[in-house]
Amino acid sequence: MMNSTTKEKIIEKYELIPHPEGGYYKESFRSDVKVQVGSSSGDGKIRTASTAIYFLMTPESVSRLHKIKSDEVWHFYLGTSITVVELDEKTGGYKTTIVGPNVLDGEFVQYTVKAGTWFGSFPNTLTVNEDSFSFVGCTVSPGFEFEDFELGSRGRLAEQFPEAIEMIDKLTVGLP
């Protein structure tokens, strides 16, 4: 049985620290290969080819809405499945994808969010308790840089995505 002790042991074992978007993380890989970023981000900067992190979320510490200039692949490891929420610029609504171990029930053990997409995620829990957590990994290519990271503003996102207000409220806790 997984419990808060398991959650705390994972945080300790992997030396996870609080992430600005929420949750806890540690970079586990940064490629030595460098690439020049092309037209999708428009900045022409040199970036690491790929990075990877361990990421742990709890119901109280979700991945708040943000976007980055690279594709991000989510990998499920342990705990409860997560819901990845992507805001849809065409409709003003949102799309959800479940990342978790139950592949025969429609969950995915791996899922990619495209560069430039507003997204966030949260653990799926029927009853929120202190023992709940999700332990996942995220691989970013071209590699993650904090200068390419933008945390969402609740007010701006609510105006731009009116059909997604419920998810925006859930995933902008503590943001203006």
N, C-alpha and C. Protein backbone atom coordinates (compact mmCIF):
# COMPACT_ATOMS: atom_id res chain seq x y z
N MET A 1 0.84 -1.18 0.00
CA MET A 1 0.00 0.00 0.00
C MET A 1 0.88 1.25 0.00
N MET A 2 0.54 2.21 -0.88
CA MET A 2 1.29 3.46 -0.92
C MET A 2 0.66 4.44 0.06
N ASN A 3 1.48 5.18 0.76
CA ASN A 3 0.96 6.16 1.71
C ASN A 3 1.90 7.35 1.76
N SER A 4 1.64 8.26 2.71
CA SER A 4 2.47 9.47 2.78
C SER A 4 3.93 9.12 3.04
N THR A 5 4.17 8.01 3.73
CA THR A 5 5.54 7.57 3.94
C THR A 5 6.19 7.26 2.60
N THR A 6 5.46 6.57 1.71
CA THR A 6 5.97 6.27 0.38
C THR A 6 6.26 7.57 -0.37
N LYS A 7 5.33 8.50 -0.32
CA LYS A 7 5.50 9.80 -0.98
C LYS A 7 6.75 10.50 -0.45
N GLU A 8 6.90 10.55 0.86
CA GLU A 8 8.06 11.20 1.45
C GLU A 8 9.36 10.47 1.11
N LYS A 9 9.31 9.14 1.04
CA LYS A 9 10.51 8.37 0.68
C LYS A 9 10.92 8.66 -0.76
N ILE A 10 9.95 8.80 -1.66
CA ILE A 10 10.26 9.13 -3.06
C ILE A 10 10.88 10.52 -3.14
N ILE A 11 10.29 11.48 -2.45
CA ILE A 11 10.83 12.85 -2.45
C ILE A 11 12.27 12.84 -1.94
N GLU A 12 12.52 12.08 -0.88
CA GLU A 12 13.87 12.00 -0.32
C GLU A 12 14.83 11.24 -1.25
N LYS A 13 14.42 10.07 -1.73
CA LYS A 13 15.29 9.23 -2.57
C LYS A 13 15.73 9.97 -3.83
N TYR A 14 14.80 10.66 -4.48
CA TYR A 14 15.11 11.33 -5.74
C TYR A 14 15.51 12.79 -5.55
N GLU A 15 15.61 13.24 -4.27
CA GLU A 15 16.02 14.60 -3.95
C GLU A 15 15.17 15.64 -4.67
N LEU A 16 13.85 15.43 -4.62
CA LEU A 16 12.91 16.32 -5.30
C LEU A 16 12.78 17.63 -4.53
N ILE A 17 12.64 18.72 -5.28
CA ILE A 17 12.45 20.05 -4.69
C ILE A 17 11.19 20.67 -5.29
N PRO A 18 10.60 21.67 -4.62
CA PRO A 18 9.39 22.30 -5.17
C PRO A 18 9.64 22.92 -6.54
N HIS A 19 8.67 22.72 -7.46
CA HIS A 19 8.73 23.29 -8.80
C HIS A 19 7.88 24.56 -8.83
N PRO A 20 8.28 25.61 -9.56
CA PRO A 20 7.48 26.83 -9.62
C PRO A 20 6.04 26.61 -10.10
N GLU A 21 5.80 25.60 -10.94
CA GLU A 21 4.44 25.34 -11.42
C GLU A 21 3.63 24.52 -10.42
N GLY A 22 4.27 24.02 -9.37
CA GLY A 22 3.63 23.12 -8.40
C GLY A 22 4.31 21.77 -8.46
N GLY A 23 4.02 20.93 -7.49
CA GLY A 23 4.64 19.61 -7.43
C GLY A 23 6.10 19.70 -7.02
N TYR A 24 6.79 18.57 -7.15
CA TYR A 24 8.19 18.44 -6.77
C TYR A 24 8.94 17.81 -7.93
N TYR A 25 10.19 18.23 -8.16
CA TYR A 25 10.91 17.71 -9.32
C TYR A 25 12.41 17.61 -9.06
N LYS A 26 13.05 16.90 -9.96
CA LYS A 26 14.52 16.89 -10.04
C LYS A 26 14.88 16.55 -11.47
N GLU A 27 15.77 17.34 -12.04
CA GLU A 27 16.25 17.03 -13.38
C GLU A 27 17.10 15.77 -13.29
N SER A 28 16.78 14.78 -14.14
CA SER A 28 17.49 13.51 -14.14
C SER A 28 18.39 13.32 -15.36
N PHE A 29 18.19 14.17 -16.38
CA PHE A 29 18.98 14.03 -17.60
C PHE A 29 19.01 15.37 -18.32
N ARG A 30 20.19 15.72 -18.82
CA ARG A 30 20.37 16.89 -19.69
C ARG A 30 21.38 16.46 -20.75
N SER A 31 20.95 16.39 -21.99
CA SER A 31 21.80 15.94 -23.08
C SER A 31 23.01 16.86 -23.26
N ASP A 32 24.12 16.27 -23.65
CA ASP A 32 25.30 17.06 -24.01
C ASP A 32 25.18 17.61 -25.43
N VAL A 33 24.25 17.07 -26.20
CA VAL A 33 24.05 17.50 -27.58
C VAL A 33 23.32 18.84 -27.58
N LYS A 34 23.77 19.77 -28.40
CA LYS A 34 23.14 21.09 -28.53
C LYS A 34 22.49 21.20 -29.90
N VAL A 35 21.37 21.91 -29.95
CA VAL A 35 20.65 22.14 -31.21
C VAL A 35 20.26 23.61 -31.29
N GLN A 36 20.13 24.10 -32.52
CA GLN A 36 19.61 25.46 -32.70
C GLN A 36 18.11 25.35 -32.87
N VAL A 37 17.39 26.11 -32.06
CA VAL A 37 15.93 26.08 -32.09
C VAL A 37 15.47 26.80 -33.35
N GLY A 38 14.54 26.17 -34.07
CA GLY A 38 14.09 26.70 -35.35
C GLY A 38 12.86 27.56 -35.29
N SER A 39 12.07 27.47 -36.33
CA SER A 39 10.95 28.38 -36.56
C SER A 39 9.79 28.22 -35.58
N SER A 40 9.61 27.06 -34.95
CA SER A 40 8.45 26.89 -34.07
C SER A 40 8.48 27.85 -32.90
N SER A 41 9.64 28.14 -32.35
CA SER A 41 9.71 29.10 -31.25
C SER A 41 10.18 30.46 -31.74
N GLY A 42 10.82 30.48 -32.90
CA GLY A 42 11.21 31.73 -33.51
C GLY A 42 12.38 32.45 -32.88
N ASP A 43 13.07 31.82 -31.93
CA ASP A 43 14.13 32.58 -31.28
C ASP A 43 15.54 32.26 -31.80
N GLY A 44 15.74 31.15 -32.50
CA GLY A 44 17.03 30.81 -33.06
C GLY A 44 18.13 30.55 -32.05
N LYS A 45 17.77 30.31 -30.79
CA LYS A 45 18.75 30.10 -29.74
C LYS A 45 19.28 28.67 -29.75
N ILE A 46 20.43 28.49 -29.13
CA ILE A 46 21.01 27.16 -28.96
C ILE A 46 20.42 26.55 -27.70
N ARG A 47 19.95 25.31 -27.81
CA ARG A 47 19.34 24.61 -26.69
C ARG A 47 19.94 23.20 -26.58
N THR A 48 19.83 22.64 -25.38
CA THR A 48 20.14 21.24 -25.17
C THR A 48 19.13 20.42 -25.98
N ALA A 49 19.57 19.32 -26.57
CA ALA A 49 18.66 18.52 -27.40
C ALA A 49 17.48 17.97 -26.62
N SER A 50 17.71 17.56 -25.36
CA SER A 50 16.63 16.95 -24.57
C SER A 50 16.97 17.02 -23.09
N THR A 51 15.91 17.11 -22.27
CA THR A 51 16.05 17.03 -20.82
C THR A 51 14.96 16.13 -20.28
N ALA A 52 15.17 15.63 -19.07
CA ALA A 52 14.15 14.80 -18.41
C ALA A 52 14.14 15.13 -16.93
N ILE A 53 12.94 15.03 -16.33
CA ILE A 53 12.80 15.23 -14.89
C ILE A 53 11.95 14.12 -14.29
N TYR A 54 12.15 13.90 -12.99
CA TYR A 54 11.19 13.18 -12.16
C TYR A 54 10.25 14.24 -11.64
N PHE A 55 8.95 13.92 -11.52
CA PHE A 55 7.96 14.91 -11.08
C PHE A 55 6.92 14.21 -10.21
N LEU A 56 6.70 14.74 -9.02
CA LEU A 56 5.72 14.18 -8.10
C LEU A 56 4.68 15.24 -7.77
N MET A 57 3.40 14.87 -7.91
CA MET A 57 2.30 15.76 -7.59
C MET A 57 1.45 15.16 -6.48
N THR A 58 0.80 16.04 -5.73
CA THR A 58 -0.20 15.65 -4.75
C THR A 58 -1.47 16.43 -5.08
N PRO A 59 -2.62 16.07 -4.50
CA PRO A 59 -3.84 16.84 -4.77
C PRO A 59 -3.69 18.32 -4.38
N GLU A 60 -2.82 18.61 -3.41
CA GLU A 60 -2.63 19.99 -2.97
C GLU A 60 -1.57 20.72 -3.79
N SER A 61 -0.77 20.00 -4.54
CA SER A 61 0.33 20.61 -5.29
C SER A 61 0.31 20.08 -6.71
N VAL A 62 -0.55 20.67 -7.53
CA VAL A 62 -0.76 20.23 -8.91
C VAL A 62 0.21 20.95 -9.85
N SER A 63 0.22 20.53 -11.10
CA SER A 63 0.99 21.23 -12.13
C SER A 63 0.10 22.34 -12.67
N ARG A 64 0.37 23.58 -12.26
CA ARG A 64 -0.48 24.70 -12.67
C ARG A 64 -0.30 25.00 -14.15
N LEU A 65 -1.31 25.65 -14.73
CA LEU A 65 -1.29 25.94 -16.17
C LEU A 65 -0.05 26.75 -16.55
N HIS A 66 0.61 26.26 -17.58
CA HIS A 66 1.83 26.88 -18.07
C HIS A 66 2.03 26.47 -19.52
N LYS A 67 3.00 27.08 -20.18
CA LYS A 67 3.39 26.61 -21.50
C LYS A 67 4.89 26.76 -21.64
N ILE A 68 5.44 25.92 -22.52
CA ILE A 68 6.86 25.97 -22.82
C ILE A 68 7.03 25.95 -24.34
N LYS A 69 8.24 26.22 -24.82
CA LYS A 69 8.50 26.32 -26.25
C LYS A 69 8.92 25.00 -26.88
N SER A 70 8.76 23.90 -26.15
CA SER A 70 9.18 22.58 -26.64
C SER A 70 8.07 21.56 -26.42
N ASP A 71 8.15 20.44 -27.13
CA ASP A 71 7.24 19.32 -26.87
C ASP A 71 7.63 18.70 -25.53
N GLU A 72 6.62 18.21 -24.79
CA GLU A 72 6.87 17.58 -23.49
C GLU A 72 6.16 16.24 -23.44
N VAL A 73 6.92 15.18 -23.20
CA VAL A 73 6.38 13.82 -23.10
C VAL A 73 6.25 13.46 -21.63
N TRP A 74 5.04 13.07 -21.22
CA TRP A 74 4.77 12.64 -19.84
C TRP A 74 4.83 11.12 -19.79
N HIS A 75 5.48 10.57 -18.74
CA HIS A 75 5.62 9.13 -18.54
C HIS A 75 5.09 8.79 -17.15
N PHE A 76 4.23 7.78 -17.05
CA PHE A 76 3.69 7.38 -15.76
C PHE A 76 4.63 6.39 -15.08
N TYR A 77 4.87 6.59 -13.75
CA TYR A 77 5.70 5.67 -12.98
C TYR A 77 4.95 4.99 -11.84
N LEU A 78 4.32 5.76 -10.95
CA LEU A 78 3.81 5.19 -9.71
C LEU A 78 2.73 6.08 -9.11
N GLY A 79 1.82 5.48 -8.35
CA GLY A 79 0.78 6.24 -7.66
C GLY A 79 -0.50 6.27 -8.46
N THR A 80 -1.28 7.32 -8.26
CA THR A 80 -2.54 7.45 -8.97
C THR A 80 -2.31 8.07 -10.35
N SER A 81 -3.19 7.76 -11.29
CA SER A 81 -3.09 8.34 -12.62
C SER A 81 -3.28 9.85 -12.55
N ILE A 82 -2.93 10.55 -13.62
CA ILE A 82 -3.10 12.00 -13.67
C ILE A 82 -3.97 12.39 -14.86
N THR A 83 -4.59 13.55 -14.75
CA THR A 83 -5.29 14.15 -15.88
C THR A 83 -4.44 15.29 -16.39
N VAL A 84 -4.08 15.23 -17.68
CA VAL A 84 -3.38 16.32 -18.34
C VAL A 84 -4.45 17.15 -19.04
N VAL A 85 -4.48 18.44 -18.76
CA VAL A 85 -5.47 19.36 -19.33
C VAL A 85 -4.74 20.28 -20.30
N GLU A 86 -5.24 20.32 -21.56
CA GLU A 86 -4.68 21.21 -22.57
C GLU A 86 -5.76 22.19 -23.00
N LEU A 87 -5.45 23.48 -23.00
CA LEU A 87 -6.40 24.49 -23.44
C LEU A 87 -6.36 24.58 -24.96
N ASP A 88 -7.55 24.70 -25.57
CA ASP A 88 -7.69 24.69 -27.03
C ASP A 88 -7.91 26.11 -27.53
N GLU A 89 -6.92 26.67 -28.21
CA GLU A 89 -7.02 28.04 -28.69
C GLU A 89 -8.09 28.23 -29.75
N LYS A 90 -8.46 27.19 -30.48
CA LYS A 90 -9.48 27.32 -31.52
C LYS A 90 -10.88 27.42 -30.94
N THR A 91 -11.18 26.63 -29.90
CA THR A 91 -12.54 26.58 -29.36
C THR A 91 -12.71 27.37 -28.07
N GLY A 92 -11.62 27.70 -27.41
CA GLY A 92 -11.72 28.35 -26.10
C GLY A 92 -11.99 27.35 -24.99
N GLY A 93 -12.06 26.07 -25.36
CA GLY A 93 -12.33 25.01 -24.40
C GLY A 93 -11.06 24.28 -24.00
N TYR A 94 -11.23 23.00 -23.67
CA TYR A 94 -10.07 22.22 -23.24
C TYR A 94 -10.24 20.75 -23.60
N LYS A 95 -9.12 20.04 -23.53
CA LYS A 95 -9.06 18.60 -23.78
C LYS A 95 -8.37 17.96 -22.59
N THR A 96 -8.83 16.78 -22.19
CA THR A 96 -8.17 16.06 -21.10
C THR A 96 -7.68 14.70 -21.59
N THR A 97 -6.56 14.27 -21.04
CA THR A 97 -5.99 12.96 -21.32
C THR A 97 -5.54 12.36 -20.00
N ILE A 98 -5.87 11.09 -19.77
CA ILE A 98 -5.48 10.41 -18.54
C ILE A 98 -4.17 9.66 -18.79
N VAL A 99 -3.17 9.96 -17.97
CA VAL A 99 -1.87 9.28 -18.02
C VAL A 99 -1.79 8.42 -16.76
N GLY A 100 -1.69 7.11 -16.97
CA GLY A 100 -1.67 6.20 -15.83
C GLY A 100 -1.44 4.77 -16.26
N PRO A 101 -1.55 3.83 -15.33
CA PRO A 101 -1.20 2.43 -15.59
C PRO A 101 -2.30 1.60 -16.25
N ASN A 102 -3.52 2.10 -16.30
CA ASN A 102 -4.66 1.29 -16.76
C ASN A 102 -4.86 1.43 -18.27
N VAL A 103 -3.90 0.90 -19.03
CA VAL A 103 -3.91 1.07 -20.48
C VAL A 103 -5.11 0.40 -21.15
N LEU A 104 -5.65 -0.65 -20.56
CA LEU A 104 -6.81 -1.33 -21.15
C LEU A 104 -8.11 -0.58 -20.85
N ASP A 105 -8.03 0.43 -19.99
CA ASP A 105 -9.20 1.26 -19.66
C ASP A 105 -9.07 2.66 -20.24
N GLY A 106 -8.22 2.84 -21.25
CA GLY A 106 -8.12 4.12 -21.93
C GLY A 106 -7.06 5.07 -21.41
N GLU A 107 -6.29 4.66 -20.41
CA GLU A 107 -5.20 5.51 -19.93
C GLU A 107 -3.96 5.28 -20.80
N PHE A 108 -3.06 6.23 -20.77
CA PHE A 108 -1.82 6.16 -21.53
C PHE A 108 -0.64 6.19 -20.56
N VAL A 109 0.35 5.33 -20.76
CA VAL A 109 1.54 5.39 -19.91
C VAL A 109 2.50 6.48 -20.39
N GLN A 110 2.23 7.00 -21.58
CA GLN A 110 3.06 8.05 -22.16
C GLN A 110 2.16 8.96 -22.97
N TYR A 111 2.37 10.27 -22.88
CA TYR A 111 1.54 11.22 -23.63
C TYR A 111 2.36 12.47 -23.92
N THR A 112 2.20 13.04 -25.13
CA THR A 112 2.96 14.22 -25.54
C THR A 112 2.07 15.45 -25.63
N VAL A 113 2.52 16.54 -25.01
CA VAL A 113 1.90 17.86 -25.15
C VAL A 113 2.78 18.66 -26.11
N LYS A 114 2.17 19.21 -27.14
CA LYS A 114 2.91 19.95 -28.16
C LYS A 114 3.40 21.31 -27.64
N ALA A 115 4.51 21.75 -28.19
CA ALA A 115 5.10 23.05 -27.84
C ALA A 115 4.07 24.17 -27.99
N GLY A 116 4.13 25.15 -27.06
CA GLY A 116 3.28 26.32 -27.15
C GLY A 116 1.86 26.13 -26.67
N THR A 117 1.54 24.97 -26.09
CA THR A 117 0.19 24.68 -25.60
C THR A 117 0.10 25.02 -24.12
N TRP A 118 -0.97 25.73 -23.73
CA TRP A 118 -1.23 25.93 -22.30
C TRP A 118 -1.70 24.61 -21.73
N PHE A 119 -1.05 24.15 -20.66
CA PHE A 119 -1.45 22.87 -20.06
C PHE A 119 -1.08 22.81 -18.59
N GLY A 120 -1.72 21.89 -17.90
CA GLY A 120 -1.43 21.59 -16.51
C GLY A 120 -1.92 20.19 -16.23
N SER A 121 -1.74 19.72 -15.01
CA SER A 121 -2.19 18.37 -14.69
C SER A 121 -2.44 18.24 -13.20
N PHE A 122 -3.18 17.19 -12.86
CA PHE A 122 -3.48 16.93 -11.45
C PHE A 122 -3.70 15.44 -11.24
N PRO A 123 -3.43 14.95 -10.03
CA PRO A 123 -3.67 13.54 -9.72
C PRO A 123 -5.16 13.24 -9.71
N ASN A 124 -5.53 12.07 -10.21
CA ASN A 124 -6.93 11.64 -10.17
C ASN A 124 -7.18 10.93 -8.86
N THR A 125 -8.01 11.52 -8.04
CA THR A 125 -8.33 10.92 -6.75
C THR A 125 -9.82 10.99 -6.52
N LEU A 126 -10.42 9.86 -6.16
CA LEU A 126 -11.85 9.86 -5.82
C LEU A 126 -12.05 10.51 -4.47
N THR A 127 -11.17 10.23 -3.55
CA THR A 127 -11.20 10.89 -2.24
C THR A 127 -9.81 11.44 -1.99
N VAL A 128 -9.73 12.74 -1.89
CA VAL A 128 -8.45 13.39 -1.66
C VAL A 128 -8.01 13.14 -0.23
N ASN A 129 -6.81 12.62 -0.08
CA ASN A 129 -6.26 12.43 1.26
C ASN A 129 -4.75 12.65 1.22
N GLU A 130 -4.16 12.69 2.39
CA GLU A 130 -2.73 13.00 2.49
C GLU A 130 -1.84 11.93 1.88
N ASP A 131 -2.39 10.74 1.61
CA ASP A 131 -1.60 9.65 1.05
C ASP A 131 -1.52 9.69 -0.47
N SER A 132 -2.35 10.48 -1.12
CA SER A 132 -2.44 10.49 -2.58
C SER A 132 -1.23 11.18 -3.21
N PHE A 133 -0.71 10.58 -4.26
CA PHE A 133 0.35 11.21 -5.04
C PHE A 133 0.45 10.54 -6.40
N SER A 134 1.10 11.24 -7.32
CA SER A 134 1.40 10.71 -8.65
C SER A 134 2.88 10.97 -8.90
N PHE A 135 3.60 9.93 -9.30
CA PHE A 135 5.02 10.04 -9.61
C PHE A 135 5.17 9.77 -11.10
N VAL A 136 5.61 10.78 -11.85
CA VAL A 136 5.71 10.70 -13.30
C VAL A 136 7.07 11.23 -13.73
N GLY A 137 7.33 11.13 -15.02
CA GLY A 137 8.52 11.74 -15.60
C GLY A 137 8.11 12.61 -16.77
N CYS A 138 8.90 13.61 -17.06
CA CYS A 138 8.65 14.49 -18.20
C CYS A 138 9.94 14.63 -19.00
N THR A 139 9.85 14.38 -20.29
CA THR A 139 10.98 14.53 -21.20
C THR A 139 10.66 15.66 -22.15
N VAL A 140 11.57 16.62 -22.28
CA VAL A 140 11.33 17.81 -23.09
C VAL A 140 12.38 17.88 -24.19
N SER A 141 11.90 18.17 -25.43
CA SER A 141 12.81 18.27 -26.56
C SER A 141 12.32 19.35 -27.52
N PRO A 142 13.17 20.33 -27.89
CA PRO A 142 14.46 20.63 -27.33
C PRO A 142 14.37 20.82 -25.82
N GLY A 143 15.50 20.68 -25.14
CA GLY A 143 15.54 20.64 -23.69
C GLY A 143 14.92 21.84 -22.99
N PHE A 144 14.43 21.58 -21.78
CA PHE A 144 13.77 22.60 -20.97
C PHE A 144 14.75 23.66 -20.49
N GLU A 145 14.32 24.91 -20.58
CA GLU A 145 15.03 26.05 -19.99
C GLU A 145 13.97 26.91 -19.33
N PHE A 146 14.24 27.37 -18.11
CA PHE A 146 13.25 28.20 -17.41
C PHE A 146 12.91 29.46 -18.19
N GLU A 147 13.82 29.97 -19.02
CA GLU A 147 13.49 31.17 -19.80
C GLU A 147 12.42 30.89 -20.86
N ASP A 148 12.17 29.63 -21.18
CA ASP A 148 11.13 29.25 -22.15
C ASP A 148 9.82 28.86 -21.46
N PHE A 149 9.74 29.04 -20.15
CA PHE A 149 8.61 28.63 -19.32
C PHE A 149 7.76 29.85 -18.98
N GLU A 150 6.44 29.73 -19.18
CA GLU A 150 5.52 30.82 -18.83
C GLU A 150 4.39 30.24 -17.99
N LEU A 151 4.26 30.73 -16.76
CA LEU A 151 3.18 30.32 -15.87
C LEU A 151 1.95 31.15 -16.21
N GLY A 152 0.79 30.48 -16.28
CA GLY A 152 -0.44 31.15 -16.70
C GLY A 152 -1.01 32.10 -15.67
N SER A 153 -1.66 33.14 -16.15
CA SER A 153 -2.39 34.08 -15.30
C SER A 153 -3.86 33.70 -15.36
N ARG A 154 -4.48 33.51 -14.20
CA ARG A 154 -5.88 33.09 -14.16
C ARG A 154 -6.77 34.06 -14.94
N GLY A 155 -6.60 35.35 -14.72
CA GLY A 155 -7.44 36.34 -15.39
C GLY A 155 -7.31 36.30 -16.90
N ARG A 156 -6.08 36.27 -17.38
CA ARG A 156 -5.84 36.24 -18.83
C ARG A 156 -6.35 34.95 -19.46
N LEU A 157 -6.09 33.81 -18.81
CA LEU A 157 -6.54 32.53 -19.36
C LEU A 157 -8.06 32.42 -19.35
N ALA A 158 -8.71 32.92 -18.30
CA ALA A 158 -10.18 32.86 -18.22
C ALA A 158 -10.80 33.68 -19.35
N GLU A 159 -10.18 34.79 -19.69
CA GLU A 159 -10.68 35.62 -20.79
C GLU A 159 -10.47 34.94 -22.14
N GLN A 160 -9.32 34.32 -22.33
CA GLN A 160 -8.97 33.69 -23.60
C GLN A 160 -9.67 32.34 -23.80
N PHE A 161 -9.96 31.62 -22.69
CA PHE A 161 -10.53 30.28 -22.76
C PHE A 161 -11.78 30.19 -21.89
N PRO A 162 -12.86 30.90 -22.26
CA PRO A 162 -14.06 30.95 -21.41
C PRO A 162 -14.72 29.60 -21.18
N GLU A 163 -14.60 28.69 -22.11
CA GLU A 163 -15.23 27.37 -21.96
C GLU A 163 -14.45 26.46 -21.01
N ALA A 164 -13.27 26.90 -20.61
CA ALA A 164 -12.41 26.07 -19.77
C ALA A 164 -12.30 26.60 -18.34
N ILE A 165 -13.22 27.47 -17.93
CA ILE A 165 -13.10 28.16 -16.65
C ILE A 165 -12.97 27.20 -15.46
N GLU A 166 -13.68 26.08 -15.49
CA GLU A 166 -13.60 25.12 -14.37
C GLU A 166 -12.17 24.59 -14.21
N MET A 167 -11.55 24.21 -15.31
CA MET A 167 -10.18 23.70 -15.26
C MET A 167 -9.18 24.81 -14.95
N ILE A 168 -9.43 26.00 -15.47
CA ILE A 168 -8.55 27.13 -15.18
C ILE A 168 -8.56 27.42 -13.69
N ASP A 169 -9.75 27.42 -13.08
CA ASP A 169 -9.84 27.64 -11.63
C ASP A 169 -9.06 26.57 -10.86
N LYS A 170 -9.18 25.32 -11.30
CA LYS A 170 -8.51 24.20 -10.61
C LYS A 170 -6.99 24.28 -10.75
N LEU A 171 -6.52 24.78 -11.90
CA LEU A 171 -5.09 24.71 -12.22
C LEU A 171 -4.38 26.07 -12.18
N THR A 172 -4.99 27.06 -11.53
CA THR A 172 -4.31 28.35 -11.33
C THR A 172 -4.37 28.75 -9.86
N VAL A 173 -4.51 27.79 -8.98
CA VAL A 173 -4.56 28.06 -7.54
C VAL A 173 -3.34 28.88 -7.14
N GLY A 174 -3.58 30.00 -6.48
CA GLY A 174 -2.49 30.84 -6.01
C GLY A 174 -1.93 31.79 -7.05
N LEU A 175 -2.52 31.82 -8.25
CA LEU A 175 -2.05 32.73 -9.30
C LEU A 175 -3.04 33.88 -9.47
N PRO A 176 -2.56 35.06 -9.90
CA PRO A 176 -3.47 36.20 -10.12
C PRO A 176 -4.37 35.99 -11.33
